Amino acid sequence: QVQLVESGGGLVQAGDSLRLSCAASGLTFSSYVLAWFRQAPGKEREFVGGISWSSGSTYYADSVKGRFTISRENAKNTVYLQMNSLKPEDTAVYYCAAKLTKRGIMVYEYDYWGQGTQVTVSS
């Protein structure tokens, strides 16, 4: 049974940093891509960034490139989203998701989802 559990969300001020974690279990990690999505109130869920577990290669949405960094810790089966220089428009529920093999940026491509963690950035 695949489980993705996010943690680390909270309330911060603009310009602050925050690190989210996604603890994964039940996956054959070498075959998967893990990604972060976010959904702001009244908006569609959007891609933030992803990482290929086997290679460690990462890819990002333009809106977060240069501010957000995704990494993985193999020993803990955990993926991190380091968010720096946060802006009020980064306020959203952040979700961890997993899919097989190839990179993807669309919600429908991902088979497994966590429950989400709220990030609120005040101005």
Protein backbone atom coordinates (compact mmCIF):
# COMPACT_ATOMS: atom_id res chain seq x y z
CA GLN A 1 0.00 0.00 0.00
CA VAL A 2 1.45 3.31 -1.12
CA GLN A 3 1.47 6.10 1.43
CA LEU A 4 2.68 9.66 1.07
CA VAL A 5 2.65 11.79 4.20
CA GLU A 6 3.46 15.48 4.02
CA SER A 7 4.57 17.62 6.92
CA GLY A 8 6.24 20.93 7.65
CA GLY A 9 3.61 23.43 6.61
CA GLY A 10 2.81 26.52 8.62
CA LEU A 11 2.37 30.27 8.76
CA VAL A 12 5.35 32.38 7.77
CA GLN A 13 6.03 35.93 6.64
CA ALA A 14 6.98 37.03 3.15
CA GLY A 15 10.67 36.47 2.56
CA ASP A 16 10.90 33.59 5.03
CA SER A 17 11.86 30.00 4.30
CA LEU A 18 10.09 26.74 5.00
CA ARG A 19 10.92 23.10 4.34
CA LEU A 20 8.23 20.54 3.58
CA SER A 21 8.76 16.81 3.88
CA CYS A 22 7.08 13.90 2.14
CA ALA A 23 7.61 10.51 3.73
CA ALA A 24 6.90 7.76 1.20
CA SER A 25 6.29 4.06 1.70
CA GLY A 26 5.05 1.14 -0.37
CA LEU A 27 6.90 2.23 -3.53
CA THR A 28 9.64 0.68 -5.58
CA PHE A 29 11.48 3.94 -5.30
CA SER A 30 13.89 3.47 -8.17
CA SER A 31 10.94 3.37 -10.58
CA TYR A 32 9.15 6.47 -9.40
CA VAL A 33 9.05 10.20 -9.88
CA LEU A 34 7.90 12.19 -6.88
CA ALA A 35 6.51 15.67 -7.24
CA TRP A 36 5.06 18.57 -5.35
CA PHE A 37 1.84 20.27 -6.37
CA ARG A 38 -0.06 23.08 -4.72
CA GLN A 39 -3.61 24.33 -4.68
CA ALA A 40 -4.62 27.81 -3.62
CA PRO A 41 -8.22 28.62 -2.63
CA GLY A 42 -10.42 28.84 -5.70
CA LYS A 43 -7.67 27.72 -8.03
CA GLU A 44 -6.72 24.50 -9.76
CA ARG A 45 -3.99 22.29 -8.43
CA GLU A 46 -0.69 23.16 -10.10
CA PHE A 47 2.70 21.56 -10.50
CA VAL A 48 5.55 22.95 -8.39
CA GLY A 49 8.47 20.61 -8.99
CA GLY A 50 9.53 17.00 -9.20
CA ILE A 51 12.44 14.62 -8.70
CA SER A 52 13.35 11.34 -10.31
CA TRP A 53 14.15 9.06 -7.42
CA SER A 54 16.70 6.96 -9.28
CA SER A 55 18.76 9.78 -10.80
CA GLY A 56 17.97 12.61 -8.44
CA SER A 57 17.35 14.93 -11.36
CA THR A 58 14.88 17.71 -10.64
CA TYR A 59 12.56 19.95 -12.61
CA TYR A 60 10.49 22.95 -11.60
CA ALA A 61 7.67 25.23 -12.58
CA ASP A 62 8.87 28.63 -13.76
CA SER A 63 7.04 30.32 -10.91
CA VAL A 64 9.30 28.72 -8.29
CA LYS A 65 12.54 28.19 -10.18
CA GLY A 66 15.44 29.67 -8.27
CA ARG A 67 13.46 29.86 -5.01
CA PHE A 68 12.39 26.27 -4.38
CA THR A 69 14.61 23.19 -4.28
CA ILE A 70 13.59 19.54 -4.20
CA SER A 71 15.85 16.88 -2.74
CA ARG A 72 15.58 13.32 -1.49
CA GLU A 73 17.00 11.36 1.39
CA ASN A 74 17.20 7.71 0.42
CA ALA A 75 17.73 6.36 3.92
CA LYS A 76 14.48 7.94 5.10
CA ASN A 77 12.49 7.47 1.88
CA THR A 78 11.72 11.15 2.11
CA VAL A 79 11.48 13.96 -0.39
CA TYR A 80 11.91 17.57 0.68
CA LEU A 81 10.72 20.87 -0.73
CA GLN A 82 12.90 23.71 0.44
CA MET A 83 11.07 26.98 -0.14
CA ASN A 84 12.99 30.24 0.12
CA SER A 85 11.98 33.86 -0.43
CA LEU A 86 8.37 32.94 0.08
CA LYS A 87 5.69 35.23 -1.31
CA PRO A 88 2.02 35.63 -0.37
CA GLU A 89 1.11 34.05 -3.71
CA ASP A 90 2.83 30.85 -2.56
CA THR A 91 0.01 30.38 -0.06
CA ALA A 92 -1.64 27.04 -0.81
CA VAL A 93 -2.10 23.47 0.30
CA TYR A 94 0.99 21.60 -0.85
CA TYR A 95 0.65 18.00 -1.98
CA CYS A 96 3.18 15.27 -2.58
CA ALA A 97 2.46 12.91 -5.48
CA ALA A 98 4.06 9.89 -7.15
CA LYS A 99 4.02 8.37 -10.60
CA LEU A 100 5.97 5.71 -12.44
CA THR A 101 9.05 6.31 -14.49
CA LYS A 102 8.70 9.48 -16.54
CA ARG A 103 8.54 13.09 -15.52
CA GLY A 104 5.15 14.74 -15.55
CA ILE A 105 3.62 18.07 -14.68
CA MET A 106 -0.08 17.28 -14.99
CA VAL A 107 -2.28 16.25 -12.08
CA TYR A 108 -3.87 13.39 -13.99
CA GLU A 109 -0.49 11.74 -14.59
CA TYR A 110 0.05 11.03 -10.90
CA ASP A 111 -1.31 7.89 -9.29
CA TYR A 112 -0.67 8.51 -5.61
CA TRP A 113 -1.25 11.56 -3.46
CA GLY A 114 -0.67 12.67 0.09
CA GLN A 115 -3.21 14.49 2.22
CA GLY A 116 -1.56 17.89 1.83
CA THR A 117 -0.04 20.43 4.19
CA GLN A 118 -1.07 24.07 4.45
CA VAL A 119 1.45 26.83 3.77
CA THR A 120 0.36 30.38 4.48
CA VAL A 121 2.59 33.34 3.68
CA SER A 122 1.59 36.67 5.16
CA SER A 123 2.63 39.99 3.64
